[in-house]
Every structure is written in structure tokens, then in C-alpha cells.
Amino acid sequence: MNGSVFINDNLTVKIDCSHRKSISINHSDTYLLRSSLREILGNFVLQRGSSIKSDRLTFDFCYG
């Protein structure tokens, strides 16, 4: 986005549905990954962060 936006400005927004769907899938995968880790390793798995993009995700956790 370039320029400025002010209160009461009219805007047109376009959502990239394909990009949004990819991010949504990876977002859900973080929940599945955390659940799987807890099922295998126990409740000592704590999520410390994640980065969710359309083409990849990272999942930071600690154990113990």
C-alpha cells in the first residue's frame, strides 16, 4: 500500500482467496502439530511461537 489513509476515506479492498486459503491451512497445521507433539511427548510441550506464511510455517516449542 502506498499513500495515506484518513478517517472517513472510502477504500476498495480485494482479498486474494488463494493466498488466504494457503495461510489458513498452515494456521490449522500449527494446531495439529502442537496436538500431535503433546499426544506423543506429553503436556510438557509448550508452543513458544510460530510463523505462518502461504508456502511454509515454522513452529517453535520447548519440551520439559
PDB file of N, CA and C in Angstrom:
ATOM      1  N   MET A   1       0.847  -1.163   0.000  1.00  0.00           N
ATOM      2  CA  MET A   1       0.000   0.000   0.000  1.00  0.00           C
ATOM      3  C   MET A   1       0.894   1.227   0.000  1.00  0.00           C
ATOM      4  N   ASN A   2       0.575   2.162  -0.855  1.00  0.00           N
ATOM      5  CA  ASN A   2       1.290   3.433  -0.909  1.00  0.00           C
ATOM      6  C   ASN A   2       0.329   4.555  -0.588  1.00  0.00           C
ATOM      7  N   GLY A   3       0.836   5.639  -0.040  1.00  0.00           N
ATOM      8  CA  GLY A   3      -0.015   6.778   0.248  1.00  0.00           C
ATOM      9  C   GLY A   3      -0.509   6.766   1.674  1.00  0.00           C
ATOM     10  N   SER A   4      -1.536   7.543   1.902  1.00  0.00           N
ATOM     11  CA  SER A   4      -2.091   7.698   3.246  1.00  0.00           C
ATOM     12  C   SER A   4      -3.570   7.355   3.251  1.00  0.00           C
ATOM     13  N   VAL A   5      -4.043   6.925   4.399  1.00  0.00           N
ATOM     14  CA  VAL A   5      -5.462   6.647   4.600  1.00  0.00           C
ATOM     15  C   VAL A   5      -5.920   7.499   5.769  1.00  0.00           C
ATOM     16  N   PHE A   6      -7.053   8.133   5.589  1.00  0.00           N
ATOM     17  CA  PHE A   6      -7.581   9.011   6.623  1.00  0.00           C
ATOM     18  C   PHE A   6      -8.962   8.544   7.051  1.00  0.00           C
ATOM     19  N   ILE A   7      -9.377   8.932   8.245  1.00  0.00           N
ATOM     20  CA  ILE A   7     -10.707   8.612   8.745  1.00  0.00           C
ATOM     21  C   ILE A   7     -11.736   9.119   7.748  1.00  0.00           C
ATOM     22  N   ASN A   8     -12.753   8.302   7.502  1.00  0.00           N
ATOM     23  CA  ASN A   8     -13.862   8.579   6.586  1.00  0.00           C
ATOM     24  C   ASN A   8     -13.489   8.451   5.115  1.00  0.00           C
ATOM     25  N   ASP A   9     -12.261   8.014   4.795  1.00  0.00           N
ATOM     26  CA  ASP A   9     -11.915   7.727   3.406  1.00  0.00           C
ATOM     27  C   ASP A   9     -12.665   6.479   2.956  1.00  0.00           C
ATOM     28  N   ASN A  10     -13.044   6.430   1.708  1.00  0.00           N
ATOM     29  CA  ASN A  10     -13.625   5.232   1.114  1.00  0.00           C
ATOM     30  C   ASN A  10     -12.495   4.408   0.517  1.00  0.00           C
ATOM     31  N   LEU A  11     -12.518   3.112   0.778  1.00  0.00           N
ATOM     32  CA  LEU A  11     -11.477   2.218   0.290  1.00  0.00           C
ATOM     33  C   LEU A  11     -12.101   1.041  -0.434  1.00  0.00           C
ATOM     34  N   THR A  12     -11.365   0.513  -1.376  1.00  0.00           N
ATOM     35  CA  THR A  12     -11.743  -0.727  -2.035  1.00  0.00           C
ATOM     36  C   THR A  12     -10.699  -1.765  -1.663  1.00  0.00           C
ATOM     37  N   VAL A  13     -11.156  -2.909  -1.169  1.00  0.00           N
ATOM     38  CA  VAL A  13     -10.259  -3.957  -0.706  1.00  0.00           C
ATOM     39  C   VAL A  13     -10.495  -5.202  -1.537  1.00  0.00           C
ATOM     40  N   LYS A  14      -9.420  -5.855  -1.928  1.00  0.00           N
ATOM     41  CA  LYS A  14      -9.515  -7.106  -2.674  1.00  0.00           C
ATOM     42  C   LYS A  14      -8.778  -8.180  -1.881  1.00  0.00           C
ATOM     43  N   ILE A  15      -9.445  -9.290  -1.617  1.00  0.00           N
ATOM     44  CA  ILE A  15      -8.854 -10.400  -0.874  1.00  0.00           C
ATOM     45  C   ILE A  15      -8.356 -11.448  -1.861  1.00  0.00           C
ATOM     46  N   ASP A  16      -7.115 -11.847  -1.710  1.00  0.00           N
ATOM     47  CA  ASP A  16      -6.533 -12.912  -2.518  1.00  0.00           C
ATOM     48  C   ASP A  16      -6.946 -14.239  -1.877  1.00  0.00           C
ATOM     49  N   CYS A  17      -8.019 -14.829  -2.378  1.00  0.00           N
ATOM     50  CA  CYS A  17      -8.609 -16.023  -1.754  1.00  0.00           C
ATOM     51  C   CYS A  17      -7.650 -17.210  -1.742  1.00  0.00           C
ATOM     52  N   SER A  18      -6.869 -17.388  -2.787  1.00  0.00           N
ATOM     53  CA  SER A  18      -5.920 -18.497  -2.841  1.00  0.00           C
ATOM     54  C   SER A  18      -4.841 -18.332  -1.767  1.00  0.00           C
ATOM     55  N   HIS A  19      -4.308 -17.137  -1.641  1.00  0.00           N
ATOM     56  CA  HIS A  19      -3.291 -16.838  -0.627  1.00  0.00           C
ATOM     57  C   HIS A  19      -3.870 -17.019   0.770  1.00  0.00           C
ATOM     58  N   ARG A  20      -5.062 -16.515   0.974  1.00  0.00           N
ATOM     59  CA  ARG A  20      -5.714 -16.620   2.285  1.00  0.00           C
ATOM     60  C   ARG A  20      -5.977 -18.078   2.661  1.00  0.00           C
ATOM     61  N   LYS A  21      -6.395 -18.889   1.679  1.00  0.00           N
ATOM     62  CA  LYS A  21      -6.658 -20.303   1.949  1.00  0.00           C
ATOM     63  C   LYS A  21      -5.371 -21.026   2.349  1.00  0.00           C
ATOM     64  N   SER A  22      -4.273 -20.720   1.659  1.00  0.00           N
ATOM     65  CA  SER A  22      -2.990 -21.343   1.991  1.00  0.00           C
ATOM     66  C   SER A  22      -2.561 -21.000   3.409  1.00  0.00           C
ATOM     67  N   ILE A  23      -2.709 -19.750   3.789  1.00  0.00           N
ATOM     68  CA  ILE A  23      -2.356 -19.331   5.145  1.00  0.00           C
ATOM     69  C   ILE A  23      -3.267 -20.019   6.158  1.00  0.00           C
ATOM     70  N   SER A  24      -4.539 -20.119   5.836  1.00  0.00           N
ATOM     71  CA  SER A  24      -5.494 -20.765   6.737  1.00  0.00           C
ATOM     72  C   SER A  24      -5.132 -22.232   6.976  1.00  0.00           C
ATOM     73  N   ILE A  25      -4.733 -22.916   5.922  1.00  0.00           N
ATOM     74  CA  ILE A  25      -4.340 -24.325   6.050  1.00  0.00           C
ATOM     75  C   ILE A  25      -3.117 -24.450   6.950  1.00  0.00           C
ATOM     76  N   ASN A  26      -2.110 -23.606   6.719  1.00  0.00           N
ATOM     77  CA  ASN A  26      -0.906 -23.667   7.548  1.00  0.00           C
ATOM     78  C   ASN A  26      -1.197 -23.277   8.991  1.00  0.00           C
ATOM     79  N   HIS A  27      -2.133 -22.380   9.194  1.00  0.00           N
ATOM     80  CA  HIS A  27      -2.532 -21.994  10.545  1.00  0.00           C
ATOM     81  C   HIS A  27      -3.137 -23.207  11.263  1.00  0.00           C
ATOM     82  N   SER A  28      -4.020 -23.912  10.575  1.00  0.00           N
ATOM     83  CA  SER A  28      -4.616 -25.121  11.162  1.00  0.00           C
ATOM     84  C   SER A  28      -3.550 -26.172  11.447  1.00  0.00           C
ATOM     85  N   ASP A  29      -2.552 -26.256  10.570  1.00  0.00           N
ATOM     86  CA  ASP A  29      -1.482 -27.238  10.761  1.00  0.00           C
ATOM     87  C   ASP A  29      -0.695 -26.997  12.045  1.00  0.00           C
ATOM     88  N   THR A  30      -0.561 -25.739  12.471  1.00  0.00           N
ATOM     89  CA  THR A  30       0.154 -25.481  13.728  1.00  0.00           C
ATOM     90  C   THR A  30      -0.603 -26.093  14.903  1.00  0.00           C
ATOM     91  N   TYR A  31      -1.930 -26.028  14.875  1.00  0.00           N
ATOM     92  CA  TYR A  31      -2.731 -26.647  15.939  1.00  0.00           C
ATOM     93  C   TYR A  31      -2.589 -28.165  15.908  1.00  0.00           C
ATOM     94  N   LEU A  32      -2.616 -28.732  14.706  1.00  0.00           N
ATOM     95  CA  LEU A  32      -2.463 -30.183  14.581  1.00  0.00           C
ATOM     96  C   LEU A  32      -1.078 -30.632  15.040  1.00  0.00           C
ATOM     97  N   LEU A  33      -0.052 -29.861  14.693  1.00  0.00           N
ATOM     98  CA  LEU A  33       1.307 -30.197  15.102  1.00  0.00           C
ATOM     99  C   LEU A  33       1.451 -30.138  16.619  1.00  0.00           C
ATOM    100  N   ARG A  34       0.935 -29.069  17.220  1.00  0.00           N
ATOM    101  CA  ARG A  34       1.017 -28.948  18.680  1.00  0.00           C
ATOM    102  C   ARG A  34       0.282 -30.098  19.364  1.00  0.00           C
ATOM    103  N   SER A  35      -0.896 -30.419  18.867  1.00  0.00           N
ATOM    104  CA  SER A  35      -1.675 -31.515  19.441  1.00  0.00           C
ATOM    105  C   SER A  35      -0.938 -32.846  19.307  1.00  0.00           C
ATOM    106  N   SER A  36      -0.342 -33.081  18.151  1.00  0.00           N
ATOM    107  CA  SER A  36       0.398 -34.330  17.929  1.00  0.00           C
ATOM    108  C   SER A  36       1.611 -34.422  18.840  1.00  0.00           C
ATOM    109  N   LEU A  37       2.346 -33.315  18.977  1.00  0.00           N
ATOM    110  CA  LEU A  37       3.511 -33.317  19.865  1.00  0.00           C
ATOM    111  C   LEU A  37       3.102 -33.602  21.303  1.00  0.00           C
ATOM    112  N   ARG A  38       2.000 -33.011  21.726  1.00  0.00           N
ATOM    113  CA  ARG A  38       1.533 -33.247  23.098  1.00  0.00           C
ATOM    114  C   ARG A  38       1.060 -34.688  23.282  1.00  0.00           C
ATOM    115  N   GLU A  39       0.450 -35.245  22.255  1.00  0.00           N
ATOM    116  CA  GLU A  39      -0.009 -36.633  22.348  1.00  0.00           C
ATOM    117  C   GLU A  39       1.177 -37.591  22.462  1.00  0.00           C
ATOM    118  N   ILE A  40       2.244 -37.297  21.730  1.00  0.00           N
ATOM    119  CA  ILE A  40       3.415 -38.174  21.729  1.00  0.00           C
ATOM    120  C   ILE A  40       4.332 -37.900  22.923  1.00  0.00           C
ATOM    121  N   LEU A  41       4.593 -36.625  23.208  1.00  0.00           N
ATOM    122  CA  LEU A  41       5.581 -36.259  24.229  1.00  0.00           C
ATOM    123  C   LEU A  41       4.975 -35.872  25.572  1.00  0.00           C
ATOM    124  N   GLY A  42       3.680 -35.597  25.592  1.00  0.00           N
ATOM    125  CA  GLY A  42       3.023 -35.204  26.832  1.00  0.00           C
ATOM    126  C   GLY A  42       2.769 -33.706  26.905  1.00  0.00           C
ATOM    127  N   ASN A  43       2.116 -33.307  27.980  1.00  0.00           N
ATOM    128  CA  ASN A  43       1.719 -31.909  28.154  1.00  0.00           C
ATOM    129  C   ASN A  43       2.878 -30.977  28.488  1.00  0.00           C
ATOM    130  N   PHE A  44       4.100 -31.514  28.506  1.00  0.00           N
ATOM    131  CA  PHE A  44       5.258 -30.673  28.764  1.00  0.00           C
ATOM    132  C   PHE A  44       5.683 -29.881  27.527  1.00  0.00           C
ATOM    133  N   VAL A  45       5.034 -30.136  26.384  1.00  0.00           N
ATOM    134  CA  VAL A  45       5.322 -29.386  25.162  1.00  0.00           C
ATOM    135  C   VAL A  45       4.612 -28.039  25.247  1.00  0.00           C
ATOM    136  N   LEU A  46       5.383 -26.974  25.122  1.00  0.00           N
ATOM    137  CA  LEU A  46       4.822 -25.624  25.142  1.00  0.00           C
ATOM    138  C   LEU A  46       5.183 -24.904  23.853  1.00  0.00           C
ATOM    139  N   GLN A  47       4.183 -24.341  23.192  1.00  0.00           N
ATOM    140  CA  GLN A  47       4.442 -23.564  21.991  1.00  0.00           C
ATOM    141  C   GLN A  47       5.046 -22.228  22.391  1.00  0.00           C
ATOM    142  N   ARG A  48       6.138 -21.863  21.744  1.00  0.00           N
ATOM    143  CA  ARG A  48       6.820 -20.605  22.037  1.00  0.00           C
ATOM    144  C   ARG A  48       6.701 -19.598  20.905  1.00  0.00           C
ATOM    145  N   GLY A  49       6.175 -20.030  19.782  1.00  0.00           N
ATOM    146  CA  GLY A  49       5.997 -19.105  18.667  1.00  0.00           C
ATOM    147  C   GLY A  49       5.744 -19.867  17.390  1.00  0.00           C
ATOM    148  N   SER A  50       5.355 -19.137  16.379  1.00  0.00           N
ATOM    149  CA  SER A  50       5.188 -19.727  15.058  1.00  0.00           C
ATOM    150  C   SER A  50       5.210 -18.611  14.028  1.00  0.00           C
ATOM    151  N   SER A  51       5.543 -18.987  12.823  1.00  0.00           N
ATOM    152  CA  SER A  51       5.487 -18.077  11.682  1.00  0.00           C
ATOM    153  C   SER A  51       4.682 -18.791  10.611  1.00  0.00           C
ATOM    154  N   ILE A  52       3.605 -18.172  10.196  1.00  0.00           N
ATOM    155  CA  ILE A  52       2.696 -18.811   9.251  1.00  0.00           C
ATOM    156  C   ILE A  52       2.668 -17.989   7.972  1.00  0.00           C
ATOM    157  N   LYS A  53       3.091 -18.603   6.885  1.00  0.00           N
ATOM    158  CA  LYS A  53       3.088 -17.968   5.569  1.00  0.00           C
ATOM    159  C   LYS A  53       2.308 -18.869   4.621  1.00  0.00           C
ATOM    160  N   SER A  54       2.073 -18.383   3.423  1.00  0.00           N
ATOM    161  CA  SER A  54       1.271 -19.169   2.484  1.00  0.00           C
ATOM    162  C   SER A  54       1.997 -20.419   2.008  1.00  0.00           C
ATOM    163  N   ASP A  55       3.340 -20.388   1.974  1.00  0.00           N
ATOM    164  CA  ASP A  55       4.087 -21.519   1.429  1.00  0.00           C
ATOM    165  C   ASP A  55       4.864 -22.317   2.476  1.00  0.00           C
ATOM    166  N   ARG A  56       4.819 -21.881   3.756  1.00  0.00           N
ATOM    167  CA  ARG A  56       5.549 -22.610   4.792  1.00  0.00           C
ATOM    168  C   ARG A  56       5.113 -22.130   6.168  1.00  0.00           C
ATOM    169  N   LEU A  57       5.509 -22.901   7.156  1.00  0.00           N
ATOM    170  CA  LEU A  57       5.295 -22.474   8.533  1.00  0.00           C
ATOM    171  C   LEU A  57       6.477 -22.932   9.362  1.00  0.00           C
ATOM    172  N   THR A  58       6.727 -22.228  10.439  1.00  0.00           N
ATOM    173  CA  THR A  58       7.685 -22.680  11.439  1.00  0.00           C
ATOM    174  C   THR A  58       6.930 -22.800  12.750  1.00  0.00           C
ATOM    175  N   PHE A  59       7.407 -23.679  13.596  1.00  0.00           N
ATOM    176  CA  PHE A  59       6.754 -23.921  14.877  1.00  0.00           C
ATOM    177  C   PHE A  59       7.834 -24.018  15.940  1.00  0.00           C
ATOM    178  N   ASP A  60       7.858 -23.077  16.849  1.00  0.00           N
ATOM    179  CA  ASP A  60       8.846 -23.058  17.925  1.00  0.00           C
ATOM    180  C   ASP A  60       8.203 -23.604  19.193  1.00  0.00           C
ATOM    181  N   PHE A  61       8.898 -24.546  19.840  1.00  0.00           N
ATOM    182  CA  PHE A  61       8.359 -25.102  21.073  1.00  0.00           C
ATOM    183  C   PHE A  61       9.491 -25.486  22.007  1.00  0.00           C
ATOM    184  N   CYS A  62       9.145 -25.633  23.263  1.00  0.00           N
ATOM    185  CA  CYS A  62      10.097 -26.165  24.237  1.00  0.00           C
ATOM    186  C   CYS A  62       9.469 -27.398  24.866  1.00  0.00           C
ATOM    187  N   TYR A  63      10.326 -28.241  25.391  1.00  0.00           N
ATOM    188  CA  TYR A  63       9.877 -29.502  25.970  1.00  0.00           C
ATOM    189  C   TYR A  63      10.581 -29.703  27.299  1.00  0.00           C
ATOM    190  N   GLY A  64       9.788 -29.950  28.303  1.00  0.00           N
ATOM    191  CA  GLY A  64      10.381 -30.282  29.582  1.00  0.00           C
ATOM    192  C   GLY A  64      10.232 -29.269  30.637  1.00  0.00           C
TER     193      GLY A  64
END
